[in-house]
Protein backbone atom coordinates (compact mmCIF):
# COMPACT_ATOMS: atom_id res chain seq x y z
CA UNK A 1 0.00 0.00 0.00
CA UNK A 2 1.49 3.36 -1.02
CA UNK A 3 0.62 5.82 1.72
CA UNK A 4 2.29 9.18 2.23
CA UNK A 5 5.23 8.83 4.60
CA UNK A 6 4.85 10.80 7.83
CA UNK A 7 8.65 11.28 7.82
CA UNK A 8 8.72 13.20 11.08
CA UNK A 9 8.54 12.08 14.69
CA UNK A 10 5.90 14.12 16.49
CA UNK A 11 6.69 12.82 20.00
CA UNK A 12 6.84 15.72 22.44
CA UNK A 13 5.92 18.38 19.92
CA UNK A 14 3.54 21.13 20.97
CA UNK A 15 0.67 22.40 18.87
CA UNK A 16 1.48 26.02 18.09
CA UNK A 17 -1.50 26.87 15.89
CA UNK A 18 -4.80 25.22 14.91
CA UNK A 19 -6.79 26.42 11.92
CA UNK A 20 -9.89 24.99 10.29
CA UNK A 21 -11.04 25.45 6.73
CA UNK A 22 -11.70 26.61 4.21
CA UNK A 23 -13.63 23.38 3.84
CA UNK A 24 -13.28 20.20 5.89
CA UNK A 25 -9.60 20.85 6.61
CA UNK A 26 -7.43 20.98 9.70
CA UNK A 27 -4.11 22.84 9.64
CA UNK A 28 -1.69 22.34 12.52
CA UNK A 29 1.71 23.87 13.15
CA UNK A 30 4.03 22.33 15.73
CA UNK A 31 6.95 23.39 17.90
CA UNK A 32 9.66 20.99 19.06
CA UNK A 33 10.45 20.36 22.75
CA UNK A 34 12.69 23.44 22.86
CA UNK A 35 9.96 25.70 21.42
CA UNK A 36 11.50 25.93 17.94
CA UNK A 37 9.43 25.54 14.77
CA UNK A 38 9.08 21.82 13.94
CA UNK A 39 6.52 21.14 11.20
CA UNK A 40 3.21 21.95 9.59
CA UNK A 41 0.47 19.39 8.87
CA UNK A 42 -2.59 19.84 6.70
CA UNK A 43 -5.38 17.27 6.71
CA UNK A 44 -8.31 17.63 4.32
CA UNK A 45 -11.51 15.85 3.40
CA UNK A 46 -12.14 15.08 7.07
CA UNK A 47 -15.18 12.83 7.34
CA UNK A 48 -15.61 13.26 11.12
CA UNK A 49 -14.99 17.02 10.93
CA UNK A 50 -17.50 18.08 13.62
CA UNK A 51 -16.03 15.60 16.11
CA UNK A 52 -12.46 16.74 15.38
CA UNK A 53 -13.42 20.41 15.72
CA UNK A 54 -15.05 19.71 19.11
CA UNK A 55 -11.92 17.97 20.40
CA UNK A 56 -9.68 20.85 19.38
CA UNK A 57 -12.13 23.44 20.76
CA UNK A 58 -11.95 21.73 24.17
CA UNK A 59 -8.18 21.17 24.02
CA UNK A 60 -6.59 22.07 27.33
CA UNK A 61 -3.20 20.47 26.77
CA UNK A 62 -1.40 20.69 23.48
CA UNK A 63 1.70 18.47 23.77
CA UNK A 64 1.60 15.33 21.63
CA UNK A 65 2.54 11.79 22.49
CA UNK A 66 2.08 10.79 18.85
CA UNK A 67 0.56 11.58 15.47
CA UNK A 68 0.49 8.50 13.23
CA UNK A 69 -1.60 6.32 10.99
CA UNK A 70 -4.23 4.53 13.05
CA UNK A 71 -3.16 1.16 14.38
CA UNK A 72 -6.76 0.00 14.86
CA UNK A 73 -8.18 0.99 11.46
CA UNK A 74 -6.51 0.38 8.11
CA UNK A 75 -5.61 3.34 5.92
CA UNK A 76 -5.49 3.05 2.17
CA UNK A 77 -5.04 5.53 -0.67
CA UNK A 78 -8.09 7.81 -0.70
CA UNK A 79 -9.02 6.84 2.87
CA UNK A 80 -6.41 7.90 5.41
CA UNK A 81 -7.03 7.41 9.12
CA UNK A 82 -4.82 9.14 11.66
CA UNK A 83 -4.72 9.10 15.42
CA UNK A 84 -3.24 11.64 17.80
CA UNK A 85 -2.68 11.21 21.49
CA UNK A 86 -2.03 14.12 23.78
CA UNK A 87 0.64 13.84 26.51
CA UNK A 88 -0.35 13.55 30.16
CA UNK A 89 -3.95 13.79 29.11
CA UNK A 90 -4.33 10.45 27.40
CA UNK A 91 -7.07 11.83 25.14
CA UNK A 92 -7.01 10.50 21.60
CA UNK A 93 -8.34 12.06 18.45
CA UNK A 94 -9.06 9.93 15.38
CA UNK A 95 -9.12 11.85 12.11
CA UNK A 96 -10.69 10.12 9.11
CA UNK A 97 -9.88 11.63 5.72
CA UNK A 98 -11.53 10.60 2.47
CA UNK A 99 -11.52 12.03 -1.01
CA UNK A 100 -15.02 10.72 -1.58
CA UNK A 101 -16.99 13.39 0.27
CA UNK A 102 -18.21 15.72 -2.45
CA UNK A 103 -16.72 17.37 -5.47
CA UNK A 104 -15.80 20.43 -3.38
CA UNK A 105 -13.92 18.48 -0.70
CA UNK A 106 -10.37 17.43 -1.44
CA UNK A 107 -8.23 14.88 0.35
CA UNK A 108 -5.13 16.71 1.43
CA UNK A 109 -2.36 15.36 3.57
CA UNK A 110 0.90 17.21 3.82
CA UNK A 111 3.67 17.16 6.36
CA UNK A 112 6.25 19.85 5.81
CA UNK A 113 9.20 20.99 7.78
CA UNK A 114 8.33 24.37 9.20
CA UNK A 115 10.58 26.42 6.91
CA UNK A 116 8.77 24.98 3.85
CA UNK A 117 5.28 25.97 5.00
CA UNK A 118 3.20 27.35 2.11
């Protein structure tokens, strides 16, 4: 299965910025453990968008234990499933992305080092 490589280790990173939109997209920027820019992640075509938005609206702790492909659900091209776990909090967020939502929704998954952010 040819899935995009996550390339980066998100352990201990801190969420610096959370943005939603313009459609069913989530944009996250991260800082490393020392507070330096780490990476930028864009997830699009989020099927469970309302649930994901609620989790981030209630977020009280922003340090990550991991961001990875789900280990309980199988991802495949066109249907990517990610899971995040927040440090010390234990709360998990599952993000389901699909390019089969509507013609206006696009599956987007990008992980960029911070200095390459669009």
